[in-house]
Protein backbone atom coordinates (compact mmCIF):
# COMPACT_ATOMS: atom_id res chain seq x y z
CA MET A 1 -158.70 35.40 146.22
CA TYR A 2 -161.95 35.20 148.13
CA THR A 3 -162.52 38.96 147.97
CA ASP A 4 -162.26 41.70 145.39
CA ILE A 5 -160.02 44.76 145.71
CA PHE A 6 -161.66 48.16 145.88
CA ILE A 7 -160.05 50.86 143.76
CA PRO A 8 -160.89 54.41 144.94
CA LYS A 9 -161.61 56.92 142.20
CA GLU A 10 -158.28 58.71 142.69
CA ASN A 11 -156.40 55.44 142.03
CA LEU A 12 -158.18 54.70 138.75
CA THR A 13 -156.47 55.31 135.43
CA LYS A 14 -158.38 56.75 132.45
CA ASP A 15 -158.06 53.59 130.39
CA ALA A 16 -159.26 51.21 133.17
CA LYS A 17 -162.76 50.23 132.09
CA ASN A 18 -165.13 47.49 133.24
CA GLY A 19 -164.19 44.02 131.92
CA LEU A 20 -160.49 44.77 131.37
CA VAL A 21 -157.67 42.77 132.97
CA VAL A 22 -155.47 44.95 135.18
CA LEU A 23 -152.43 44.62 137.40
CA VAL A 24 -153.31 45.87 140.87
CA LYS A 25 -151.24 46.72 143.93
CA MET A 26 -152.95 46.16 147.30
CA GLU A 27 -152.47 49.23 149.49
CA GLY A 28 -154.27 48.45 152.73
CA TRP A 29 -157.38 47.05 154.36
CA PRO A 30 -159.16 49.61 156.54
CA GLU A 31 -161.01 48.25 159.56
CA LYS A 32 -164.75 47.68 159.05
CA LYS A 33 -164.34 47.62 155.25
CA ASP A 34 -165.39 44.52 153.29
CA SER A 35 -162.51 44.77 150.81
CA PRO A 36 -158.87 45.83 150.74
CA THR A 37 -158.08 48.99 148.75
CA GLY A 38 -155.70 49.05 145.85
CA LYS A 39 -154.21 50.97 142.99
CA ILE A 40 -154.12 50.07 139.28
CA LEU A 41 -150.54 49.75 138.05
CA GLU A 42 -151.19 48.61 134.48
CA VAL A 43 -154.06 47.81 132.14
CA LEU A 44 -153.31 44.54 130.35
CA GLY A 45 -156.30 44.49 127.98
CA GLU A 46 -159.56 42.72 127.21
CA ALA A 47 -160.09 39.40 129.05
CA GLY A 48 -159.87 36.41 126.68
CA GLU A 49 -157.80 38.24 124.06
CA HIS A 50 -154.58 36.45 123.15
CA GLU A 51 -152.09 39.20 124.05
CA THR A 52 -153.93 40.05 127.29
CA GLU A 53 -153.89 36.44 128.43
CA MET A 54 -150.17 36.00 127.67
CA GLN A 55 -149.37 39.21 129.59
CA SER A 56 -151.64 38.01 132.42
CA ILE A 57 -149.75 34.70 132.64
CA LEU A 58 -146.48 36.60 133.08
CA ALA A 59 -147.96 39.16 135.50
CA SER A 60 -149.67 36.54 137.69
CA ASN A 61 -146.32 34.78 138.14
CA GLY A 62 -144.56 38.10 138.89
CA LEU A 63 -142.48 37.81 135.72
CA PRO A 64 -141.07 40.64 133.59
CA THR A 65 -141.71 41.43 129.92
CA ASP A 66 -139.71 44.21 128.25
CA PHE A 67 -136.28 45.34 129.41
CA PRO A 68 -136.06 48.80 131.02
CA LYS A 69 -134.80 51.38 128.51
CA GLU A 70 -131.59 52.05 130.47
CA VAL A 71 -130.72 48.31 130.47
CA GLU A 72 -131.21 48.09 126.68
CA GLU A 73 -129.06 51.21 126.20
CA PHE A 74 -126.31 49.82 128.46
CA ALA A 75 -126.29 46.52 126.54
CA ASN A 76 -126.23 48.27 123.14
CA LYS A 77 -123.14 50.27 124.15
CA LEU A 78 -121.07 47.16 125.00
CA ASP A 79 -118.06 46.50 122.80
CA THR A 80 -118.88 43.09 121.34
CA SER A 81 -116.04 42.97 118.82
CA ILE A 82 -113.40 40.22 119.01
CA GLN A 83 -110.15 41.87 120.13
CA GLU A 84 -106.62 40.58 119.52
CA LYS A 85 -105.66 41.67 123.07
CA GLU A 86 -108.44 39.49 124.55
CA ILE A 87 -107.63 36.52 122.27
CA LYS A 88 -104.08 36.45 123.71
CA LYS A 89 -105.54 35.76 127.20
CA ARG A 90 -107.45 32.72 125.93
CA ARG A 91 -106.82 29.28 124.46
CA ASP A 92 -107.23 29.73 120.70
CA MET A 93 -109.36 26.90 119.30
CA ARG A 94 -110.52 28.58 116.10
CA ASP A 95 -108.78 25.98 113.92
CA THR A 96 -110.50 23.00 115.59
CA LEU A 97 -113.60 21.64 113.82
CA THR A 98 -116.58 23.12 115.74
CA PHE A 99 -120.34 23.06 115.13
CA THR A 100 -123.68 23.59 116.84
CA ILE A 101 -126.76 21.33 116.95
CA ASP A 102 -129.98 23.05 118.07
CA PRO A 103 -133.73 23.15 117.41
CA LYS A 104 -134.43 24.34 113.87
CA ASP A 105 -136.14 27.53 115.10
CA ALA A 106 -133.46 28.41 117.70
CA LYS A 107 -132.19 31.99 117.71
CA ASP A 108 -129.53 31.73 120.40
CA PHE A 109 -126.85 29.05 120.34
CA ASP A 110 -125.12 28.88 123.70
CA ASP A 111 -123.25 25.62 123.21
CA ALA A 112 -121.03 24.12 120.52
CA LEU A 113 -119.01 20.92 120.19
CA SER A 114 -115.50 20.63 118.79
CA PHE A 115 -113.90 17.40 117.63
CA LYS A 116 -110.32 16.33 116.94
CA ILE A 117 -108.62 12.93 116.67
CA LEU A 118 -105.38 12.89 118.70
CA GLU A 119 -102.16 11.11 117.70
CA ASN A 120 -102.68 8.43 120.34
CA GLY A 121 -106.09 7.55 118.80
CA ASN A 122 -108.12 9.22 121.55
CA TYR A 123 -110.51 12.08 120.85
CA GLU A 124 -110.29 15.69 121.99
CA ILE A 125 -113.88 16.86 122.49
CA GLY A 126 -114.60 20.42 123.49
CA ILE A 127 -117.88 21.61 124.97
CA HIS A 128 -117.83 25.34 124.25
CA ILE A 129 -120.26 27.62 126.04
CA ALA A 130 -120.97 31.27 125.28
CA ASP A 131 -118.80 33.40 127.58
CA VAL A 132 -121.67 35.49 128.92
CA SER A 133 -119.73 36.47 132.05
CA HIS A 134 -117.21 38.34 129.83
CA TYR A 135 -119.97 40.86 129.01
CA LEU A 136 -122.07 40.54 132.16
CA GLN A 137 -119.98 42.29 134.78
CA PRO A 138 -121.03 42.25 138.47
CA GLY A 139 -122.39 45.54 139.78
CA THR A 140 -123.77 46.74 136.42
CA ILE A 141 -127.48 47.39 135.76
CA LEU A 142 -127.29 44.69 133.08
CA ASP A 143 -126.12 42.09 135.60
CA GLU A 144 -128.71 43.19 138.18
CA GLU A 145 -131.50 42.84 135.60
CA ALA A 146 -130.28 39.37 134.50
CA TYR A 147 -130.08 38.24 138.14
CA GLU A 148 -133.58 39.54 138.91
CA ARG A 149 -134.96 37.62 135.90
CA GLY A 150 -132.95 34.52 136.78
CA THR A 151 -134.01 32.67 133.65
CA SER A 152 -135.47 33.05 130.16
CA ILE A 153 -139.18 32.19 129.94
CA TYR A 154 -140.48 30.05 127.07
CA LEU A 155 -144.17 30.65 126.45
CA VAL A 156 -145.88 28.89 123.54
CA ASP A 157 -145.68 31.91 121.23
CA ARG A 158 -142.68 33.87 122.54
CA VAL A 159 -139.49 33.90 124.56
CA VAL A 160 -138.99 36.43 127.34
CA PRO A 161 -135.16 36.42 127.42
CA MET A 162 -132.90 36.83 130.44
CA LEU A 163 -130.50 38.97 128.40
CA PRO A 164 -131.18 41.73 125.84
CA GLU A 165 -131.09 40.66 122.20
CA VAL A 166 -127.71 42.25 121.46
CA LEU A 167 -126.21 39.58 123.74
CA SER A 168 -128.65 36.64 123.53
CA ASN A 169 -128.97 36.55 119.74
CA ASN A 170 -125.76 38.28 118.67
CA ALA A 171 -122.61 38.68 120.78
CA CYS A 172 -123.08 35.53 122.91
CA SER A 173 -124.74 33.37 120.28
CA LEU A 174 -122.32 30.87 118.71
CA ARG A 175 -123.52 31.57 115.19
CA PRO A 176 -122.02 29.76 112.20
CA HIS A 177 -118.92 31.28 110.53
CA GLU A 178 -118.31 33.72 113.40
CA GLU A 179 -115.55 33.94 116.00
CA LYS A 180 -116.80 34.03 119.60
CA TYR A 181 -115.47 34.22 123.14
CA THR A 182 -116.32 30.96 124.87
CA PHE A 183 -115.84 29.21 128.20
CA SER A 184 -114.88 25.61 127.56
CA ALA A 185 -114.59 22.16 129.05
CA VAL A 186 -112.17 20.19 126.85
CA PHE A 187 -111.87 16.43 127.35
CA GLU A 188 -109.57 13.72 126.11
CA ILE A 189 -111.82 10.70 125.71
CA ASN A 190 -110.85 7.17 124.70
CA LYS A 191 -112.83 4.76 122.51
CA LYS A 192 -114.60 3.32 125.57
CA ALA A 193 -116.03 6.82 126.25
CA GLU A 194 -113.85 7.23 129.35
CA VAL A 195 -112.46 10.68 130.23
CA VAL A 196 -108.65 10.47 130.32
CA ASN A 197 -107.92 14.19 130.82
CA ASN A 198 -109.84 17.42 131.20
CA TRP A 199 -109.12 21.13 130.85
CA PHE A 200 -111.34 24.10 131.78
CA GLY A 201 -110.89 27.71 130.77
CA ARG A 202 -111.66 30.64 128.53
CA THR A 203 -111.30 30.12 124.79
CA VAL A 204 -111.98 31.72 121.42
CA THR A 205 -113.78 29.51 118.90
CA TYR A 206 -115.10 29.59 115.34
CA SER A 207 -118.25 27.66 114.46
CA ASP A 208 -117.82 25.87 111.12
CA ALA A 209 -121.46 24.81 110.78
CA ARG A 210 -124.91 24.98 112.31
CA PHE A 211 -127.24 21.97 112.34
CA ALA A 212 -130.84 21.49 113.32
CA TYR A 213 -131.47 18.33 115.35
CA GLU A 214 -133.28 16.82 112.36
CA GLU A 215 -130.19 17.29 110.14
CA ALA A 216 -127.86 15.71 112.70
CA GLN A 217 -130.39 12.90 113.07
CA HIS A 218 -130.26 12.38 109.28
CA ILE A 219 -126.46 11.98 109.47
CA ILE A 220 -126.79 9.46 112.34
CA GLU A 221 -129.48 7.42 110.57
CA THR A 222 -127.99 7.39 107.05
CA LYS A 223 -124.31 7.46 108.07
CA ARG A 224 -123.79 10.26 105.53
CA GLY A 225 -124.46 13.96 105.32
CA GLU A 226 -125.67 14.95 101.91
CA ILE A 227 -129.37 15.51 101.26
CA PRO A 228 -129.63 15.74 97.44
CA ASN A 229 -131.25 18.92 96.07
CA LYS A 230 -132.48 19.91 99.48
CA ILE A 231 -132.22 23.22 101.31
CA SER A 232 -131.59 22.57 104.95
CA LEU A 233 -134.08 23.19 107.74
CA THR A 234 -131.97 26.11 108.94
CA GLY A 235 -132.63 27.99 105.69
CA LYS A 236 -129.11 27.68 104.27
CA LEU A 237 -127.58 24.95 102.14
CA TYR A 238 -126.90 21.86 104.18
CA GLU A 239 -123.37 22.49 105.48
CA THR A 240 -121.64 19.18 105.75
CA THR A 241 -118.24 17.72 104.99
CA PRO A 242 -116.84 14.18 105.43
CA GLU A 243 -115.03 15.46 108.58
CA ILE A 244 -118.29 16.67 110.12
CA VAL A 245 -120.09 13.42 109.25
CA ASP A 246 -117.29 11.41 110.92
CA ALA A 247 -117.36 13.73 113.95
CA VAL A 248 -121.15 13.43 114.39
CA LEU A 249 -121.07 9.63 114.03
CA THR A 250 -118.17 9.26 116.50
CA LEU A 251 -119.84 11.61 119.01
CA ASP A 252 -123.07 9.62 118.67
CA ARG A 253 -121.24 6.33 119.39
CA LEU A 254 -119.52 7.82 122.46
CA ALA A 255 -122.77 9.43 123.71
CA LYS A 256 -124.57 6.08 123.52
CA LYS A 257 -121.82 4.45 125.61
CA MET A 258 -121.95 7.30 128.14
CA ARG A 259 -125.74 7.02 128.37
CA THR A 260 -125.61 3.24 128.87
CA LYS A 261 -123.13 3.72 131.75
CA ARG A 262 -125.28 6.44 133.29
CA MET A 263 -128.39 4.25 133.19
CA ALA A 264 -126.45 1.35 134.72
CA SER A 265 -125.47 3.68 137.61
CA GLY A 266 -129.14 4.32 138.39
CA ALA A 267 -130.02 7.39 136.30
CA ILE A 268 -133.70 7.72 135.39
CA SER A 269 -134.63 8.08 131.74
CA PHE A 270 -137.35 10.71 131.24
CA ASP A 271 -138.11 10.92 127.53
CA LYS A 272 -141.47 12.60 128.07
CA VAL A 273 -143.28 13.62 124.91
CA GLU A 274 -143.53 17.42 124.62
CA VAL A 275 -146.72 19.00 123.30
CA LYS A 276 -146.03 21.67 120.66
CA PHE A 277 -148.37 23.86 118.62
CA ASN A 278 -148.38 24.94 114.99
CA LEU A 279 -149.31 28.63 115.12
CA ASP A 280 -150.49 30.85 112.26
CA GLU A 281 -149.24 34.44 111.75
CA ASP A 282 -151.75 35.67 114.39
CA ASN A 283 -150.45 33.10 116.92
CA GLU A 284 -153.67 31.10 116.62
CA PRO A 285 -153.12 27.35 117.23
CA ILE A 286 -153.91 25.48 114.00
CA GLY A 287 -152.42 22.12 114.96
CA VAL A 288 -150.77 20.09 117.69
CA TYR A 289 -147.68 17.93 117.31
CA PHE A 290 -145.46 15.96 119.66
CA LYS A 291 -141.74 16.33 120.07
CA ALA A 292 -139.81 13.27 121.16
CA SER A 293 -136.11 13.04 121.95
CA GLN A 294 -134.03 11.30 119.25
CA ASP A 295 -130.36 10.25 119.02
CA ALA A 296 -129.22 13.75 117.97
CA ASN A 297 -130.91 15.30 121.03
CA LYS A 298 -129.39 12.65 123.27
CA LEU A 299 -125.92 13.21 121.76
CA ILE A 300 -126.01 16.90 122.79
CA GLU A 301 -127.57 16.04 126.15
CA GLU A 302 -124.81 13.56 127.08
CA PHE A 303 -121.97 15.98 126.33
CA MET A 304 -123.70 18.83 128.18
CA LEU A 305 -124.22 16.50 131.16
CA LEU A 306 -120.54 15.55 130.99
CA ALA A 307 -119.42 19.20 131.09
CA ASN A 308 -121.82 20.03 133.95
CA LYS A 309 -120.72 16.99 135.94
CA LYS A 310 -116.96 17.41 135.42
CA VAL A 311 -116.91 21.16 136.20
CA SER A 312 -118.86 20.40 139.37
CA GLU A 313 -116.53 17.55 140.36
CA PHE A 314 -113.44 19.68 139.66
CA ILE A 315 -114.55 22.28 142.21
CA GLY A 316 -116.50 20.01 144.57
CA LYS A 317 -113.49 17.80 145.28
CA GLN A 318 -111.07 20.65 146.06
CA GLU A 319 -109.49 21.00 149.49
CA PRO A 320 -110.16 23.20 151.39
CA PRO A 321 -113.81 23.19 150.18
CA LYS A 322 -114.86 26.01 147.85
CA THR A 323 -118.25 27.70 147.46
CA PHE A 324 -120.01 26.63 144.27
CA VAL A 325 -123.52 26.57 142.75
CA TYR A 326 -124.79 22.97 142.57
CA ARG A 327 -127.90 21.63 140.89
CA CYS A 328 -129.33 19.35 143.57
CA HIS A 329 -131.96 16.64 143.30
CA ASP A 330 -133.06 14.61 146.32
CA GLU A 331 -134.41 11.05 146.35
CA PRO A 332 -138.20 10.69 145.99
CA ASN A 333 -139.98 10.21 149.31
CA ASP A 334 -141.47 6.83 150.21
CA GLU A 335 -145.06 8.11 150.41
CA LYS A 336 -145.02 9.43 146.85
CA LEU A 337 -143.44 6.21 145.56
CA ALA A 338 -146.06 4.11 147.33
CA ALA A 339 -148.82 6.27 145.79
CA LEU A 340 -147.29 5.84 142.33
CA GLU A 341 -147.02 2.07 142.88
CA ASN A 342 -150.70 2.01 143.81
CA VAL A 343 -151.76 3.90 140.65
CA VAL A 344 -149.61 2.01 138.14
CA GLY A 345 -150.68 -1.26 139.77
CA LYS A 346 -154.15 -0.59 138.31
CA PHE A 347 -152.57 -0.92 134.85
CA GLY A 348 -150.74 -4.13 135.71
CA TYR A 349 -147.28 -2.59 136.32
CA LYS A 350 -145.13 -3.41 139.33
CA LEU A 351 -142.45 -1.37 141.13
CA ASN A 352 -139.62 -2.64 143.31
CA LEU A 353 -139.11 -0.15 146.15
CA LYS A 354 -136.54 -2.23 148.08
CA ASP A 355 -133.59 0.19 147.78
CA ARG A 356 -132.36 3.18 145.76
CA LYS A 357 -130.96 1.14 142.89
CA ALA A 358 -134.04 -1.08 142.68
CA VAL A 359 -136.29 2.00 142.60
CA SER A 360 -134.31 3.56 139.72
CA LYS A 361 -134.28 0.30 137.79
CA SER A 362 -138.01 -0.34 138.15
CA LEU A 363 -138.90 3.31 137.34
CA ASN A 364 -136.87 3.00 134.13
CA GLY A 365 -138.60 -0.31 133.40
CA LEU A 366 -141.99 1.32 133.95
CA LEU A 367 -141.19 4.30 131.67
CA LYS A 368 -140.03 1.87 128.97
CA ASP A 369 -143.05 -0.43 129.32
CA VAL A 370 -145.61 2.36 128.94
CA GLN A 371 -144.09 3.74 125.73
CA GLY A 372 -146.72 3.93 123.00
CA LYS A 373 -149.53 2.83 125.36
CA LYS A 374 -152.66 4.93 125.95
CA GLU A 375 -151.60 5.59 129.55
CA GLN A 376 -148.03 6.68 128.66
CA ASN A 377 -148.46 10.43 129.11
CA MET A 378 -150.32 9.99 132.39
CA VAL A 379 -147.75 7.54 133.83
CA ASP A 380 -144.86 9.75 132.62
CA THR A 381 -146.47 12.78 134.29
CA LEU A 382 -147.21 10.93 137.55
CA THR A 383 -143.65 9.55 137.69
CA ILE A 384 -142.20 13.05 137.20
CA ARG A 385 -144.47 14.35 139.99
CA THR A 386 -143.16 11.57 142.26
CA MET A 387 -139.65 12.99 141.89
CA SER A 388 -138.33 15.63 144.27
CA LYS A 389 -137.95 19.08 142.78
CA ALA A 390 -134.45 19.99 141.59
CA TYR A 391 -133.05 23.23 143.01
CA TYR A 392 -129.86 25.32 143.25
CA SER A 393 -127.73 25.35 146.39
CA THR A 394 -124.17 25.76 147.65
CA GLN A 395 -124.76 22.62 149.77
CA ASN A 396 -124.18 19.66 147.47
CA ILE A 397 -126.34 16.55 147.95
CA GLY A 398 -125.83 15.13 144.44
CA HIS A 399 -128.40 14.60 141.70
CA TYR A 400 -130.62 11.56 142.18
CA GLY A 401 -132.32 11.59 138.75
CA LEU A 402 -128.98 11.68 136.90
CA ALA A 403 -127.17 9.41 139.40
CA PHE A 404 -124.34 11.97 139.77
CA ASP A 405 -122.59 12.77 143.07
CA TYR A 406 -121.65 16.22 141.72
CA TYR A 407 -123.71 18.24 139.28
CA SER A 408 -123.97 21.91 138.29
CA HIS A 409 -125.46 24.00 135.51
CA PHE A 410 -122.65 25.36 133.34
CA THR A 411 -123.88 25.00 129.76
CA SER A 412 -126.69 27.58 129.30
CA PRO A 413 -125.59 31.01 130.59
CA ILE A 414 -127.61 32.87 127.91
CA ARG A 415 -130.82 31.64 129.49
CA ARG A 416 -129.96 30.71 133.10
CA TYR A 417 -128.29 32.92 135.70
CA PRO A 418 -126.92 29.99 137.82
CA ASP A 419 -124.71 29.07 134.84
CA VAL A 420 -123.30 32.62 134.85
CA MET A 421 -122.49 32.22 138.56
CA ALA A 422 -120.83 28.85 137.84
CA HIS A 423 -118.64 30.48 135.15
CA ARG A 424 -117.57 33.27 137.50
CA LEU A 425 -116.74 30.91 140.35
CA LEU A 426 -114.83 28.50 138.09
CA GLN A 427 -112.71 31.37 136.74
CA LEU A 428 -112.14 32.68 140.27
CA TYR A 429 -110.73 29.29 141.33
CA LEU A 430 -108.76 28.77 138.11
CA ASP A 431 -107.08 32.10 138.98
CA GLY A 432 -106.14 30.64 142.38
CA LYS A 433 -108.38 32.99 144.41
CA ASN A 434 -110.00 32.26 147.76
CA SER A 435 -113.46 30.78 148.15
CA ALA A 436 -116.42 33.11 147.48
CA ASN A 437 -118.93 34.09 150.20
CA GLU A 438 -121.17 31.05 150.74
CA GLU A 439 -124.05 32.92 152.38
CA ASP A 440 -124.26 35.40 149.49
CA TYR A 441 -124.30 32.61 146.89
CA GLU A 442 -126.85 30.55 148.83
CA GLN A 443 -129.21 33.54 148.79
CA ARG A 444 -128.68 33.88 145.03
CA CYS A 445 -129.33 30.15 144.57
CA ASN A 446 -132.66 30.45 146.42
CA HIS A 447 -133.70 33.38 144.22
CA CYS A 448 -132.80 31.48 141.03
CA SER A 449 -134.76 28.39 142.20
CA ASP A 450 -137.80 30.62 142.84
CA MET A 451 -137.56 32.32 139.43
CA GLU A 452 -137.24 28.93 137.74
CA MET A 453 -140.44 27.78 139.46
CA PHE A 454 -142.36 30.92 138.39
CA ALA A 455 -141.11 30.53 134.81
CA THR A 456 -142.13 26.83 134.74
CA ASN A 457 -145.61 27.75 136.01
CA ALA A 458 -145.95 30.42 133.32
CA GLU A 459 -144.80 28.00 130.61
CA ARG A 460 -147.38 25.41 131.75
CA ASP A 461 -150.12 28.07 131.88
CA SER A 462 -149.34 29.15 128.32
CA ILE A 463 -149.59 25.54 127.08
CA LYS A 464 -152.89 25.11 128.92
CA TYR A 465 -154.18 28.37 127.40
CA MET A 466 -153.25 27.22 123.88
CA GLN A 467 -154.88 23.83 124.45
CA VAL A 468 -158.13 25.50 125.54
CA LYS A 469 -157.93 27.88 122.56
CA PHE A 470 -157.32 24.98 120.18
CA MET A 471 -160.27 23.00 121.58
CA GLN A 472 -162.61 26.01 121.24
CA ASP A 473 -162.67 25.36 117.50
CA HIS A 474 -163.53 21.66 117.91
CA GLN A 475 -166.67 21.91 120.05
CA ASN A 476 -168.87 19.52 118.08
CA GLU A 477 -166.31 16.76 117.61
CA GLN A 478 -166.05 13.51 119.53
CA PHE A 479 -162.63 12.72 120.97
CA LEU A 480 -161.17 9.52 122.37
CA GLY A 481 -159.41 10.11 125.67
CA VAL A 482 -158.04 8.33 128.70
CA ILE A 483 -159.22 8.98 132.27
CA SER A 484 -156.17 10.69 133.77
CA GLY A 485 -157.55 11.67 137.18
CA VAL A 486 -160.50 10.86 139.45
CA THR A 487 -161.80 13.16 142.19
CA GLU A 488 -164.95 13.52 144.29
CA TRP A 489 -166.23 16.23 141.93
CA GLY A 490 -165.43 14.66 138.57
CA ILE A 491 -163.06 12.80 136.29
CA TYR A 492 -160.23 14.28 134.24
CA VAL A 493 -159.86 13.05 130.68
CA GLU A 494 -156.79 13.52 128.50
CA ILE A 495 -157.51 13.41 124.76
CA GLU A 496 -155.18 10.91 123.11
CA GLN A 497 -154.55 12.73 119.83
CA ASN A 498 -153.54 16.11 121.29
CA LYS A 499 -152.94 15.58 125.07
CA CYS A 500 -155.49 18.30 125.99
CA GLU A 501 -156.95 17.59 129.41
CA GLY A 502 -160.43 18.57 130.60
CA MET A 503 -162.93 17.69 133.27
CA VAL A 504 -166.21 15.81 133.24
CA ARG A 505 -168.16 16.95 136.30
CA LEU A 506 -170.06 14.18 138.11
CA ARG A 507 -173.22 16.28 138.09
CA ASP A 508 -173.05 16.43 134.26
CA ILE A 509 -173.14 12.64 133.82
CA LYS A 510 -176.85 12.01 133.26
CA GLU A 511 -176.90 8.21 132.84
CA ASP A 512 -176.72 7.57 136.61
CA HIS A 513 -175.73 9.13 139.93
CA PHE A 514 -171.98 8.45 140.19
CA GLU A 515 -170.02 8.32 143.44
CA PHE A 516 -166.28 8.61 144.03
CA ASP A 517 -164.44 5.40 144.96
CA GLN A 518 -161.14 6.75 146.29
CA GLU A 519 -159.49 3.39 146.89
CA ASN A 520 -159.91 2.22 143.29
CA PHE A 521 -159.43 5.58 141.53
CA ALA A 522 -162.90 5.20 140.07
CA ILE A 523 -166.45 6.50 139.99
CA VAL A 524 -169.29 4.01 140.43
CA GLY A 525 -172.93 4.35 139.29
CA ARG A 526 -175.32 4.06 142.26
CA ASP A 527 -177.96 2.05 140.39
CA SER A 528 -176.13 0.58 137.41
CA LYS A 529 -172.91 -0.21 139.34
CA LYS A 530 -171.13 0.93 136.17
CA ILE A 531 -167.46 1.83 136.76
CA TYR A 532 -165.30 4.46 135.12
CA GLN A 533 -161.73 3.95 136.34
CA LEU A 534 -158.38 5.66 136.02
CA GLY A 535 -156.85 4.63 132.67
CA ASP A 536 -160.18 3.72 131.01
CA GLU A 537 -160.67 4.97 127.46
CA VAL A 538 -163.77 7.13 126.98
CA TYR A 539 -165.28 9.38 124.32
CA VAL A 540 -165.95 13.03 125.17
CA THR A 541 -167.06 16.26 123.52
CA VAL A 542 -166.15 19.81 124.55
CA LYS A 543 -168.83 21.37 126.75
CA ASN A 544 -167.06 24.60 127.60
CA ALA A 545 -163.63 26.13 126.87
CA ASP A 546 -162.82 28.94 129.31
CA LEU A 547 -159.80 30.93 128.08
CA VAL A 548 -159.62 33.18 131.14
CA LYS A 549 -159.58 30.30 133.65
CA ARG A 550 -157.63 28.12 131.15
CA HIS A 551 -160.05 25.30 131.84
CA LEU A 552 -161.85 22.73 129.66
CA ASP A 553 -165.17 21.09 130.57
CA PHE A 554 -166.11 17.90 128.72
CA ASN A 555 -169.34 15.96 128.24
CA LEU A 556 -168.95 12.21 128.68
CA ILE A 557 -170.31 10.21 125.73
CA GLY A 558 -169.39 6.82 127.15
CA ALA A 559 -166.75 4.11 127.44
CA ARG A 560 -164.84 3.29 124.24
CA GLU A 561 -166.21 -0.24 123.93
CA GLU A 562 -169.82 1.00 124.25
CA VAL A 563 -169.49 3.90 121.80
CA GLU A 564 -167.65 1.86 119.16
CA VAL A 565 -170.17 -1.02 119.19
């Protein structure tokens, strides 16, 4: 904001002192006054302190933190026991081999896979999702709170859940060796990975085992399950049997076939590297590592995509049409594609923008070609920014990035409210009821899209904060980076070893007076004619790390070839 907010004495709280970060409500702007007046709602703490900054990230995006006491109490009073009476209303799948594959540090498991070989040689594969809507009843304060939140928020050092812990980590979490109420999509699939039959409905399941992605990856890579004398990543003995090994290997084979078909239909393959931090017990960043998607991640992804797609098709193709919550993704616009083509052309890559299929194919080719190159992260990021933003709506336009005509979110109701709505609507139509109110659901879709955007912003801010904090401790070191952006006021450099991005201001480059060359994404020295261009490798040091603004300033040492001579 270009102005400050004046807080009259009567609106000050005792603990609001100079230099503290506060949450303020604007109350009015009297005529002839320089500033609006406001009232302090909450003191967040000392600027620059870790907890204050994390709370500030949430507050500045209008996001919640703790649950109201009455919501916690309501959730704690729910009967979460498995009742014989309720089991009778469901398809009992407790005897079918079922397991979960999740990140090793996951606390809530909202999806499980079951596997059975049928007499005809086909496979029965169940995608079982926590039946959150069984506990989350419309009209309750618990449901209202979950709807308001819309999504769980994943900051670097914490999760702000959509549901209280009694549900997210206990009743709705498909924990190993526990019976759970689930909502399932069960498919008969042949050896060519084609769906022959499908069934949707409420079930009761029992998870036989819990795997971390790394453990499932070990099975896929070694074709066997046992890890001699090794405690598993999940803290318990590695729980595998020949049946589970066979199931994982078969599911992997089918997932690879499904993925190949999807890519051939024009889906775009974003395997962007995720930046993760090793934190100490005080949540201080002590290291950076990168998380890439492997076969085990892709196995889960393909079956979740299948469930989301088939549930959406099942309702979307009904006559007369029925209201449903779709996950929509429009085609990228021509201007953004042309801009991307211009940028990647500087690195020697070409795009074919002739038609939709050609665009998808050449984007996939580009993402594959840049893998392992210095410009990979930048090109990945720019390509993602070229894409339209996905959103929720009752008006289906299909999903461009996945190349699906029908797509919904059904598989993560613990952390996304649209999935809860999808469960409710699916059950409504399975019960033969009339279509739900479209206007009401469209409004809810808009709210959920907004909350998703705020959560994404907060997640990005928390990563940026941690990167700045991490770089604070490395102020005298030289880093090799790649020029990731060029503007009239400076160049942005992304450090190759940790993906932290900072800015070198033009006025701080002392070797010459540099000017911005917009057409060539470069800066050019007035006297020396020296060029620093997008994608060039340069060495930098940290000039300033501002935790409050979450901003890094770098000093430019010089181009890689000069410095390394």
